[in-house]
Amino acid sequence: MRLRRALRRFPGRDDRMDELEGVTKGHYERLPIQIEIDGRTVSAEAYYAHRSYGEALWKRNGEEGYNCYTEKVAKGYVKRKDRPRHLTFLDQIRLFVASGPDSAQSG
């Protein structure tokens, strides 16, 4: 996978980033990765969908993912203030996964 404009350094800020990404709530996981910068391999970390729903979400999305988080992809993001208050982030994921592929094609 290629990352473009997504590599950031946050020394000593792991706890804050984990909070923003919902790590303790099971939204995302921070996992080690190897990346290549200017011809050399370095260790880094990246946030991925939590393993409790990540594979099901990928399958529900036609086994397609995003190779880059672009403005076009971001336009599909629904802000918290625009989501039903009585449903959590994980509730929304579960509903999407359970809704089946037919409803995704119409949206």
PDB file of N, CA and C in Angstrom:
ATOM      1  N   MET A   1       0.838  -1.165   0.000  1.00  0.00           N
ATOM      2  CA  MET A   1       0.000   0.000   0.000  1.00  0.00           C
ATOM      3  C   MET A   1       0.891   1.238   0.000  1.00  0.00           C
ATOM      4  N   ARG A   2       0.509   2.229  -0.755  1.00  0.00           N
ATOM      5  CA  ARG A   2       1.249   3.482  -0.774  1.00  0.00           C
ATOM      6  C   ARG A   2       0.509   4.520   0.065  1.00  0.00           C
ATOM      7  N   LEU A   3       1.263   5.240   0.870  1.00  0.00           N
ATOM      8  CA  LEU A   3       0.704   6.345   1.644  1.00  0.00           C
ATOM      9  C   LEU A   3       1.149   7.645   1.008  1.00  0.00           C
ATOM     10  N   ARG A   4       0.207   8.534   0.854  1.00  0.00           N
ATOM     11  CA  ARG A   4       0.558   9.857   0.342  1.00  0.00           C
ATOM     12  C   ARG A   4       0.047  10.895   1.331  1.00  0.00           C
ATOM     13  N   ARG A   5       0.936  11.752   1.741  1.00  0.00           N
ATOM     14  CA  ARG A   5       0.579  12.839   2.648  1.00  0.00           C
ATOM     15  C   ARG A   5      -0.117  12.363   3.913  1.00  0.00           C
ATOM     16  N   ALA A   6       0.208  11.164   4.354  1.00  0.00           N
ATOM     17  CA  ALA A   6      -0.454  10.642   5.544  1.00  0.00           C
ATOM     18  C   ALA A   6       0.528  10.325   6.663  1.00  0.00           C
ATOM     19  N   LEU A   7       1.790  10.508   6.422  1.00  0.00           N
ATOM     20  CA  LEU A   7       2.797  10.174   7.418  1.00  0.00           C
ATOM     21  C   LEU A   7       3.021  11.382   8.320  1.00  0.00           C
ATOM     22  N   ARG A   8       2.778  11.169   9.606  1.00  0.00           N
ATOM     23  CA  ARG A   8       2.947  12.255  10.565  1.00  0.00           C
ATOM     24  C   ARG A   8       3.706  11.733  11.775  1.00  0.00           C
ATOM     25  N   ARG A   9       4.399  12.615  12.420  1.00  0.00           N
ATOM     26  CA  ARG A   9       5.142  12.242  13.621  1.00  0.00           C
ATOM     27  C   ARG A   9       4.509  12.959  14.809  1.00  0.00           C
ATOM     28  N   PHE A  10       4.169  12.184  15.834  1.00  0.00           N
ATOM     29  CA  PHE A  10       3.576  12.729  17.048  1.00  0.00           C
ATOM     30  C   PHE A  10       4.338  12.201  18.261  1.00  0.00           C
ATOM     31  N   PRO A  11       5.564  12.657  18.463  1.00  0.00           N
ATOM     32  CA  PRO A  11       6.348  12.135  19.586  1.00  0.00           C
ATOM     33  C   PRO A  11       5.622  12.349  20.917  1.00  0.00           C
ATOM     34  N   GLY A  12       5.497  11.265  21.686  1.00  0.00           N
ATOM     35  CA  GLY A  12       4.874  11.362  22.998  1.00  0.00           C
ATOM     36  C   GLY A  12       3.381  11.612  22.987  1.00  0.00           C
ATOM     37  N   ARG A  13       2.738  11.498  21.835  1.00  0.00           N
ATOM     38  CA  ARG A  13       1.309  11.808  21.724  1.00  0.00           C
ATOM     39  C   ARG A  13       0.461  10.571  21.433  1.00  0.00           C
ATOM     40  N   ASP A  14       1.021   9.388  21.616  1.00  0.00           N
ATOM     41  CA  ASP A  14       0.289   8.161  21.299  1.00  0.00           C
ATOM     42  C   ASP A  14      -1.039   8.072  22.033  1.00  0.00           C
ATOM     43  N   ASP A  15      -1.050   8.407  23.326  1.00  0.00           N
ATOM     44  CA  ASP A  15      -2.286   8.300  24.103  1.00  0.00           C
ATOM     45  C   ASP A  15      -3.372   9.212  23.551  1.00  0.00           C
ATOM     46  N   ARG A  16      -3.013  10.420  23.181  1.00  0.00           N
ATOM     47  CA  ARG A  16      -4.001  11.371  22.647  1.00  0.00           C
ATOM     48  C   ARG A  16      -4.523  10.897  21.294  1.00  0.00           C
ATOM     49  N   MET A  17      -3.632  10.427  20.426  1.00  0.00           N
ATOM     50  CA  MET A  17      -4.066   9.916  19.123  1.00  0.00           C
ATOM     51  C   MET A  17      -4.947   8.685  19.300  1.00  0.00           C
ATOM     52  N   ASP A  18      -4.571   7.807  20.228  1.00  0.00           N
ATOM     53  CA  ASP A  18      -5.392   6.625  20.499  1.00  0.00           C
ATOM     54  C   ASP A  18      -6.791   7.033  20.944  1.00  0.00           C
ATOM     55  N   GLU A  19      -6.866   8.063  21.775  1.00  0.00           N
ATOM     56  CA  GLU A  19      -8.173   8.554  22.227  1.00  0.00           C
ATOM     57  C   GLU A  19      -8.986   9.082  21.046  1.00  0.00           C
ATOM     58  N   LEU A  20      -8.357   9.875  20.199  1.00  0.00           N
ATOM     59  CA  LEU A  20      -9.051  10.433  19.029  1.00  0.00           C
ATOM     60  C   LEU A  20      -9.521   9.343  18.073  1.00  0.00           C
ATOM     61  N   GLU A  21      -8.754   8.273  17.956  1.00  0.00           N
ATOM     62  CA  GLU A  21      -9.091   7.178  17.049  1.00  0.00           C
ATOM     63  C   GLU A  21      -9.983   6.115  17.699  1.00  0.00           C
ATOM     64  N   GLY A  22     -10.329   6.304  18.966  1.00  0.00           N
ATOM     65  CA  GLY A  22     -11.236   5.374  19.635  1.00  0.00           C
ATOM     66  C   GLY A  22     -10.648   3.999  19.893  1.00  0.00           C
ATOM     67  N   VAL A  23      -9.347   3.939  20.153  1.00  0.00           N
ATOM     68  CA  VAL A  23      -8.684   2.652  20.355  1.00  0.00           C
ATOM     69  C   VAL A  23      -9.288   1.892  21.538  1.00  0.00           C
ATOM     70  N   THR A  24      -9.498   2.566  22.665  1.00  0.00           N
ATOM     71  CA  THR A  24     -10.035   1.876  23.845  1.00  0.00           C
ATOM     72  C   THR A  24     -11.499   1.497  23.678  1.00  0.00           C
ATOM     73  N   LYS A  25     -12.176   2.096  22.710  1.00  0.00           N
ATOM     74  CA  LYS A  25     -13.589   1.784  22.451  1.00  0.00           C
ATOM     75  C   LYS A  25     -13.754   0.698  21.391  1.00  0.00           C
ATOM     76  N   GLY A  26     -12.633   0.236  20.820  1.00  0.00           N
ATOM     77  CA  GLY A  26     -12.703  -0.803  19.798  1.00  0.00           C
ATOM     78  C   GLY A  26     -13.012  -0.279  18.411  1.00  0.00           C
ATOM     79  N   HIS A  27     -12.780   1.034  18.182  1.00  0.00           N
ATOM     80  CA  HIS A  27     -13.018   1.597  16.852  1.00  0.00           C
ATOM     81  C   HIS A  27     -11.868   1.257  15.912  1.00  0.00           C
ATOM     82  N   TYR A  28     -10.662   1.546  16.349  1.00  0.00           N
ATOM     83  CA  TYR A  28      -9.468   1.312  15.544  1.00  0.00           C
ATOM     84  C   TYR A  28      -8.384   0.671  16.395  1.00  0.00           C
ATOM     85  N   GLU A  29      -7.379   0.128  15.729  1.00  0.00           N
ATOM     86  CA  GLU A  29      -6.205  -0.434  16.392  1.00  0.00           C
ATOM     87  C   GLU A  29      -4.968   0.241  15.813  1.00  0.00           C
ATOM     88  N   ARG A  30      -3.995   0.520  16.678  1.00  0.00           N
ATOM     89  CA  ARG A  30      -2.712   1.055  16.225  1.00  0.00           C
ATOM     90  C   ARG A  30      -1.768  -0.132  16.092  1.00  0.00           C
ATOM     91  N   LEU A  31      -1.326  -0.403  14.862  1.00  0.00           N
ATOM     92  CA  LEU A  31      -0.507  -1.581  14.584  1.00  0.00           C
ATOM     93  C   LEU A  31       0.830  -1.188  13.954  1.00  0.00           C
ATOM     94  N   PRO A  32       1.869  -1.976  14.215  1.00  0.00           N
ATOM     95  CA  PRO A  32       3.179  -1.684  13.622  1.00  0.00           C
ATOM     96  C   PRO A  32       3.193  -2.010  12.131  1.00  0.00           C
ATOM     97  N   ILE A  33       3.882  -1.174  11.381  1.00  0.00           N
ATOM     98  CA  ILE A  33       4.074  -1.391   9.946  1.00  0.00           C
ATOM     99  C   ILE A  33       5.517  -1.046   9.595  1.00  0.00           C
ATOM    100  N   GLN A  34       5.938  -1.456   8.432  1.00  0.00           N
ATOM    101  CA  GLN A  34       7.237  -1.078   7.883  1.00  0.00           C
ATOM    102  C   GLN A  34       6.968  -0.206   6.663  1.00  0.00           C
ATOM    103  N   ILE A  35       7.647   0.922   6.583  1.00  0.00           N
ATOM    104  CA  ILE A  35       7.470   1.805   5.432  1.00  0.00           C
ATOM    105  C   ILE A  35       8.829   2.115   4.820  1.00  0.00           C
ATOM    106  N   GLU A  36       8.794   2.516   3.568  1.00  0.00           N
ATOM    107  CA  GLU A  36      10.024   2.866   2.878  1.00  0.00           C
ATOM    108  C   GLU A  36      10.039   4.367   2.639  1.00  0.00           C
ATOM    109  N   ILE A  37      11.107   4.999   3.097  1.00  0.00           N
ATOM    110  CA  ILE A  37      11.292   6.436   2.904  1.00  0.00           C
ATOM    111  C   ILE A  37      12.664   6.639   2.289  1.00  0.00           C
ATOM    112  N   ASP A  38      12.683   7.255   1.129  1.00  0.00           N
ATOM    113  CA  ASP A  38      13.952   7.529   0.445  1.00  0.00           C
ATOM    114  C   ASP A  38      14.845   6.292   0.357  1.00  0.00           C
ATOM    115  N   GLY A  39      14.232   5.152   0.028  1.00  0.00           N
ATOM    116  CA  GLY A  39      14.986   3.933  -0.192  1.00  0.00           C
ATOM    117  C   GLY A  39      15.363   3.149   1.050  1.00  0.00           C
ATOM    118  N   ARG A  40      14.963   3.612   2.220  1.00  0.00           N
ATOM    119  CA  ARG A  40      15.269   2.837   3.427  1.00  0.00           C
ATOM    120  C   ARG A  40      13.982   2.475   4.157  1.00  0.00           C
ATOM    121  N   THR A  41      13.985   1.325   4.810  1.00  0.00           N
ATOM    122  CA  THR A  41      12.819   0.824   5.522  1.00  0.00           C
ATOM    123  C   THR A  41      12.879   1.274   6.975  1.00  0.00           C
ATOM    124  N   VAL A  42      11.766   1.829   7.447  1.00  0.00           N
ATOM    125  CA  VAL A  42      11.682   2.275   8.839  1.00  0.00           C
ATOM    126  C   VAL A  42      10.402   1.732   9.468  1.00  0.00           C
ATOM    127  N   SER A  43      10.425   1.617  10.776  1.00  0.00           N
ATOM    128  CA  SER A  43       9.248   1.165  11.516  1.00  0.00           C
ATOM    129  C   SER A  43       8.329   2.349  11.783  1.00  0.00           C
ATOM    130  N   ALA A  44       7.041   2.080  11.726  1.00  0.00           N
ATOM    131  CA  ALA A  44       6.036   3.109  11.989  1.00  0.00           C
ATOM    132  C   ALA A  44       4.804   2.414  12.562  1.00  0.00           C
ATOM    133  N   GLU A  45       3.760   3.184  12.788  1.00  0.00           N
ATOM    134  CA  GLU A  45       2.492   2.634  13.255  1.00  0.00           C
ATOM    135  C   GLU A  45       1.377   3.249  12.434  1.00  0.00           C
ATOM    136  N   ALA A  46       0.308   2.489  12.265  1.00  0.00           N
ATOM    137  CA  ALA A  46      -0.846   2.978  11.505  1.00  0.00           C
ATOM    138  C   ALA A  46      -2.118   2.515  12.205  1.00  0.00           C
ATOM    139  N   TYR A  47      -3.182   3.272  12.001  1.00  0.00           N
ATOM    140  CA  TYR A  47      -4.478   2.906  12.570  1.00  0.00           C
ATOM    141  C   TYR A  47      -5.281   2.138  11.532  1.00  0.00           C
ATOM    142  N   TYR A  48      -5.834   1.018  11.974  1.00  0.00           N
ATOM    143  CA  TYR A  48      -6.656   0.149  11.122  1.00  0.00           C
ATOM    144  C   TYR A  48      -7.994  -0.085  11.804  1.00  0.00           C
ATOM    145  N   ALA A  49      -9.013  -0.381  11.003  1.00  0.00           N
ATOM    146  CA  ALA A  49     -10.301  -0.771  11.571  1.00  0.00           C
ATOM    147  C   ALA A  49     -10.066  -1.910  12.556  1.00  0.00           C
ATOM    148  N   HIS A  50     -10.755  -1.879  13.671  1.00  0.00           N
ATOM    149  CA  HIS A  50     -10.572  -2.911  14.699  1.00  0.00           C
ATOM    150  C   HIS A  50     -10.888  -4.288  14.133  1.00  0.00           C
ATOM    151  N   ARG A  51     -10.135  -5.267  14.568  1.00  0.00           N
ATOM    152  CA  ARG A  51     -10.300  -6.634  14.044  1.00  0.00           C
ATOM    153  C   ARG A  51     -11.685  -7.208  14.319  1.00  0.00           C
ATOM    154  N   SER A  52     -12.438  -6.636  15.273  1.00  0.00           N
ATOM    155  CA  SER A  52     -13.774  -7.150  15.573  1.00  0.00           C
ATOM    156  C   SER A  52     -14.764  -6.894  14.432  1.00  0.00           C
ATOM    157  N   TYR A  53     -14.459  -5.931  13.564  1.00  0.00           N
ATOM    158  CA  TYR A  53     -15.357  -5.652  12.440  1.00  0.00           C
ATOM    159  C   TYR A  53     -14.627  -5.400  11.122  1.00  0.00           C
ATOM    160  N   GLY A  54     -13.323  -5.250  11.138  1.00  0.00           N
ATOM    161  CA  GLY A  54     -12.571  -4.861   9.945  1.00  0.00           C
ATOM    162  C   GLY A  54     -12.789  -5.753   8.737  1.00  0.00           C
ATOM    163  N   GLU A  55     -12.689  -7.061   8.936  1.00  0.00           N
ATOM    164  CA  GLU A  55     -12.845  -7.978   7.804  1.00  0.00           C
ATOM    165  C   GLU A  55     -14.277  -7.966   7.277  1.00  0.00           C
ATOM    166  N   ALA A  56     -15.254  -7.936   8.185  1.00  0.00           N
ATOM    167  CA  ALA A  56     -16.661  -7.903   7.763  1.00  0.00           C
ATOM    168  C   ALA A  56     -16.959  -6.618   6.993  1.00  0.00           C
ATOM    169  N   LEU A  57     -16.376  -5.514   7.426  1.00  0.00           N
ATOM    170  CA  LEU A  57     -16.571  -4.238   6.737  1.00  0.00           C
ATOM    171  C   LEU A  57     -15.955  -4.292   5.342  1.00  0.00           C
ATOM    172  N   TRP A  58     -14.764  -4.865   5.239  1.00  0.00           N
ATOM    173  CA  TRP A  58     -14.090  -5.006   3.948  1.00  0.00           C
ATOM    174  C   TRP A  58     -14.929  -5.863   3.001  1.00  0.00           C
ATOM    175  N   LYS A  59     -15.432  -6.992   3.504  1.00  0.00           N
ATOM    176  CA  LYS A  59     -16.269  -7.862   2.670  1.00  0.00           C
ATOM    177  C   LYS A  59     -17.547  -7.150   2.258  1.00  0.00           C
ATOM    178  N   ARG A  60     -18.167  -6.434   3.190  1.00  0.00           N
ATOM    179  CA  ARG A  60     -19.411  -5.709   2.911  1.00  0.00           C
ATOM    180  C   ARG A  60     -19.194  -4.642   1.837  1.00  0.00           C
ATOM    181  N   ASN A  61     -17.976  -4.127   1.777  1.00  0.00           N
ATOM    182  CA  ASN A  61     -17.638  -3.089   0.804  1.00  0.00           C
ATOM    183  C   ASN A  61     -17.123  -3.699  -0.501  1.00  0.00           C
ATOM    184  N   GLY A  62     -17.499  -4.951  -0.772  1.00  0.00           N
ATOM    185  CA  GLY A  62     -17.102  -5.600  -2.018  1.00  0.00           C
ATOM    186  C   GLY A  62     -15.644  -5.988  -2.066  1.00  0.00           C
ATOM    187  N   GLU A  63     -15.033  -6.185  -0.910  1.00  0.00           N
ATOM    188  CA  GLU A  63     -13.616  -6.528  -0.796  1.00  0.00           C
ATOM    189  C   GLU A  63     -12.733  -5.487  -1.474  1.00  0.00           C
ATOM    190  N   GLU A  64     -13.158  -4.249  -1.348  1.00  0.00           N
ATOM    191  CA  GLU A  64     -12.375  -3.122  -1.857  1.00  0.00           C
ATOM    192  C   GLU A  64     -12.082  -2.174  -0.709  1.00  0.00           C
ATOM    193  N   GLY A  65     -10.902  -1.636  -0.726  1.00  0.00           N
ATOM    194  CA  GLY A  65     -10.520  -0.653   0.276  1.00  0.00           C
ATOM    195  C   GLY A  65     -10.041   0.606  -0.418  1.00  0.00           C
ATOM    196  N   TYR A  66      -9.500   1.499   0.358  1.00  0.00           N
ATOM    197  CA  TYR A  66      -8.962   2.744  -0.186  1.00  0.00           C
ATOM    198  C   TYR A  66      -7.449   2.680  -0.131  1.00  0.00           C
ATOM    199  N   ASN A  67      -6.800   2.977  -1.234  1.00  0.00           N
ATOM    200  CA  ASN A  67      -5.341   3.007  -1.201  1.00  0.00           C
ATOM    201  C   ASN A  67      -4.830   4.367  -0.754  1.00  0.00           C
ATOM    202  N   CYS A  68      -5.734   5.332  -0.690  1.00  0.00           N
ATOM    203  CA  CYS A  68      -5.364   6.669  -0.251  1.00  0.00           C
ATOM    204  C   CYS A  68      -6.616   7.372   0.267  1.00  0.00           C
ATOM    205  N   TYR A  69      -6.498   8.051   1.390  1.00  0.00           N
ATOM    206  CA  TYR A  69      -7.626   8.794   1.947  1.00  0.00           C
ATOM    207  C   TYR A  69      -7.659  10.162   1.265  1.00  0.00           C
ATOM    208  N   THR A  70      -8.518  10.275   0.275  1.00  0.00           N
ATOM    209  CA  THR A  70      -8.584  11.475  -0.551  1.00  0.00           C
ATOM    210  C   THR A  70      -9.768  12.354  -0.146  1.00  0.00           C
ATOM    211  N   GLU A  71      -9.855  13.528  -0.743  1.00  0.00           N
ATOM    212  CA  GLU A  71     -11.009  14.399  -0.504  1.00  0.00           C
ATOM    213  C   GLU A  71     -12.296  13.709  -0.936  1.00  0.00           C
ATOM    214  N   LYS A  72     -12.241  12.964  -2.029  1.00  0.00           N
ATOM    215  CA  LYS A  72     -13.423  12.241  -2.512  1.00  0.00           C
ATOM    216  C   LYS A  72     -13.890  11.217  -1.477  1.00  0.00           C
ATOM    217  N   VAL A  73     -12.952  10.472  -0.906  1.00  0.00           N
ATOM    218  CA  VAL A  73     -13.290   9.494   0.129  1.00  0.00           C
ATOM    219  C   VAL A  73     -13.849  10.213   1.356  1.00  0.00           C
ATOM    220  N   ALA A  74     -13.210  11.303   1.741  1.00  0.00           N
ATOM    221  CA  ALA A  74     -13.633  12.046   2.933  1.00  0.00           C
ATOM    222  C   ALA A  74     -15.057  12.585   2.799  1.00  0.00           C
ATOM    223  N   LYS A  75     -15.496  12.865   1.581  1.00  0.00           N
ATOM    224  CA  LYS A  75     -16.859  13.369   1.383  1.00  0.00           C
ATOM    225  C   LYS A  75     -17.908  12.349   1.813  1.00  0.00           C
ATOM    226  N   GLY A  76     -17.544  11.071   1.841  1.00  0.00           N
ATOM    227  CA  GLY A  76     -18.470  10.034   2.281  1.00  0.00           C
ATOM    228  C   GLY A  76     -18.569   9.909   3.794  1.00  0.00           C
ATOM    229  N   TYR A  77     -17.695  10.617   4.517  1.00  0.00           N
ATOM    230  CA  TYR A  77     -17.696  10.557   5.975  1.00  0.00           C
ATOM    231  C   TYR A  77     -18.877  11.350   6.520  1.00  0.00           C
ATOM    232  N   VAL A  78     -19.608  10.734   7.435  1.00  0.00           N
ATOM    233  CA  VAL A  78     -20.740  11.410   8.073  1.00  0.00           C
ATOM    234  C   VAL A  78     -20.287  11.860   9.454  1.00  0.00           C
ATOM    235  N   LYS A  79     -20.297  13.164   9.676  1.00  0.00           N
ATOM    236  CA  LYS A  79     -19.845  13.711  10.955  1.00  0.00           C
ATOM    237  C   LYS A  79     -20.759  13.258  12.085  1.00  0.00           C
ATOM    238  N   ARG A  80     -20.182  13.176  13.272  1.00  0.00           N
ATOM    239  CA  ARG A  80     -20.929  12.703  14.442  1.00  0.00           C
ATOM    240  C   ARG A  80     -22.215  13.495  14.634  1.00  0.00           C
ATOM    241  N   LYS A  81     -22.165  14.798  14.456  1.00  0.00           N
ATOM    242  CA  LYS A  81     -23.358  15.631  14.669  1.00  0.00           C
ATOM    243  C   LYS A  81     -24.473  15.302  13.682  1.00  0.00           C
ATOM    244  N   ASP A  82     -24.131  14.659  12.577  1.00  0.00           N
ATOM    245  CA  ASP A  82     -25.117  14.305  11.551  1.00  0.00           C
ATOM    246  C   ASP A  82     -25.577  12.851  11.636  1.00  0.00           C
ATOM    247  N   ARG A  83     -25.077  12.123  12.630  1.00  0.00           N
ATOM    248  CA  ARG A  83     -25.467  10.719  12.815  1.00  0.00           C
ATOM    249  C   ARG A  83     -26.506  10.619  13.925  1.00  0.00           C
ATOM    250  N   PRO A  84     -27.323   9.564  13.894  1.00  0.00           N
ATOM    251  CA  PRO A  84     -28.310   9.388  14.967  1.00  0.00           C
ATOM    252  C   PRO A  84     -27.629   9.334  16.336  1.00  0.00           C
ATOM    253  N   ARG A  85     -28.128  10.123  17.270  1.00  0.00           N
ATOM    254  CA  ARG A  85     -27.522  10.219  18.602  1.00  0.00           C
ATOM    255  C   ARG A  85     -27.612   8.916  19.393  1.00  0.00           C
ATOM    256  N   HIS A  86     -28.641   8.131  19.142  1.00  0.00           N
ATOM    257  CA  HIS A  86     -28.849   6.920  19.939  1.00  0.00           C
ATOM    258  C   HIS A  86     -28.002   5.733  19.469  1.00  0.00           C
ATOM    259  N   LEU A  87     -27.240   5.916  18.393  1.00  0.00           N
ATOM    260  CA  LEU A  87     -26.394   4.837  17.874  1.00  0.00           C
ATOM    261  C   LEU A  87     -24.921   5.203  18.022  1.00  0.00           C
ATOM    262  N   THR A  88     -24.138   4.243  18.483  1.00  0.00           N
ATOM    263  CA  THR A  88     -22.699   4.468  18.605  1.00  0.00           C
ATOM    264  C   THR A  88     -22.019   4.239  17.253  1.00  0.00           C
ATOM    265  N   PHE A  89     -20.747   4.565  17.198  1.00  0.00           N
ATOM    266  CA  PHE A  89     -19.942   4.305  16.007  1.00  0.00           C
ATOM    267  C   PHE A  89     -20.014   2.826  15.636  1.00  0.00           C
ATOM    268  N   LEU A  90     -19.834   1.954  16.638  1.00  0.00           N
ATOM    269  CA  LEU A  90     -19.861   0.516  16.367  1.00  0.00           C
ATOM    270  C   LEU A  90     -21.255   0.045  15.976  1.00  0.00           C
ATOM    271  N   ASP A  91     -22.304   0.654  16.540  1.00  0.00           N
ATOM    272  CA  ASP A  91     -23.675   0.337  16.112  1.00  0.00           C
ATOM    273  C   ASP A  91     -23.834   0.640  14.622  1.00  0.00           C
ATOM    274  N   GLN A  92     -23.323   1.787  14.201  1.00  0.00           N
ATOM    275  CA  GLN A  92     -23.414   2.187  12.795  1.00  0.00           C
ATOM    276  C   GLN A  92     -22.679   1.191  11.894  1.00  0.00           C
ATOM    277  N   ILE A  93     -21.499   0.768  12.309  1.00  0.00           N
ATOM    278  CA  ILE A  93     -20.725  -0.215  11.540  1.00  0.00           C
ATOM    279  C   ILE A  93     -21.511  -1.514  11.422  1.00  0.00           C
ATOM    280  N   ARG A  94     -22.035  -1.993  12.545  1.00  0.00           N
ATOM    281  CA  ARG A  94     -22.790  -3.259  12.540  1.00  0.00           C
ATOM    282  C   ARG A  94     -24.014  -3.174  11.632  1.00  0.00           C
ATOM    283  N   LEU A  95     -24.713  -2.053  11.669  1.00  0.00           N
ATOM    284  CA  LEU A  95     -25.881  -1.878  10.798  1.00  0.00           C
ATOM    285  C   LEU A  95     -25.474  -1.895   9.328  1.00  0.00           C
ATOM    286  N   PHE A  96     -24.383  -1.218   8.998  1.00  0.00           N
ATOM    287  CA  PHE A  96     -23.902  -1.190   7.623  1.00  0.00           C
ATOM    288  C   PHE A  96     -23.526  -2.588   7.154  1.00  0.00           C
ATOM    289  N   VAL A  97     -22.778  -3.309   7.980  1.00  0.00           N
ATOM    290  CA  VAL A  97     -22.351  -4.663   7.621  1.00  0.00           C
ATOM    291  C   VAL A  97     -23.560  -5.574   7.441  1.00  0.00           C
ATOM    292  N   ALA A  98     -24.548  -5.443   8.322  1.00  0.00           N
ATOM    293  CA  ALA A  98     -25.733  -6.308   8.279  1.00  0.00           C
ATOM    294  C   ALA A  98     -26.704  -5.944   7.164  1.00  0.00           C
ATOM    295  N   SER A  99     -26.579  -4.741   6.616  1.00  0.00           N
ATOM    296  CA  SER A  99     -27.553  -4.280   5.624  1.00  0.00           C
ATOM    297  C   SER A  99     -27.427  -4.985   4.283  1.00  0.00           C
ATOM    298  N   GLY A 100     -26.312  -5.649   4.037  1.00  0.00           N
ATOM    299  CA  GLY A 100     -26.149  -6.398   2.794  1.00  0.00           C
ATOM    300  C   GLY A 100     -25.668  -5.547   1.647  1.00  0.00           C
ATOM    301  N   PRO A 101     -25.063  -6.173   0.648  1.00  0.00           N
ATOM    302  CA  PRO A 101     -24.455  -5.438  -0.462  1.00  0.00           C
ATOM    303  C   PRO A 101     -25.451  -4.737  -1.377  1.00  0.00           C
ATOM    304  N   ASP A 102     -26.679  -5.211  -1.455  1.00  0.00           N
ATOM    305  CA  ASP A 102     -27.643  -4.592  -2.366  1.00  0.00           C
ATOM    306  C   ASP A 102     -27.912  -3.142  -2.007  1.00  0.00           C
ATOM    307  N   SER A 103     -28.019  -2.838  -0.717  1.00  0.00           N
ATOM    308  CA  SER A 103     -28.306  -1.467  -0.317  1.00  0.00           C
ATOM    309  C   SER A 103     -27.105  -0.555  -0.514  1.00  0.00           C
ATOM    310  N   ALA A 104     -25.878  -1.091  -0.501  1.00  0.00           N
ATOM    311  CA  ALA A 104     -24.680  -0.276  -0.722  1.00  0.00           C
ATOM    312  C   ALA A 104     -24.619   0.206  -2.159  1.00  0.00           C
ATOM    313  N   GLN A 105     -25.090  -0.591  -3.093  1.00  0.00           N
ATOM    314  CA  GLN A 105     -25.030  -0.242  -4.506  1.00  0.00           C
ATOM    315  C   GLN A 105     -25.966   0.915  -4.831  1.00  0.00           C
ATOM    316  N   SER A 106     -27.033   1.057  -4.059  1.00  0.00           N
ATOM    317  CA  SER A 106     -28.001   2.104  -4.364  1.00  0.00           C
ATOM    318  C   SER A 106     -27.595   3.439  -3.779  1.00  0.00           C
ATOM    319  N   GLY A 107     -26.564   3.469  -2.876  1.00  0.00           N
ATOM    320  CA  GLY A 107     -26.202   4.708  -2.216  1.00  0.00           C
ATOM    321  C   GLY A 107     -25.134   5.422  -2.825  1.00  0.00           C
TER     322      GLY A 107
END
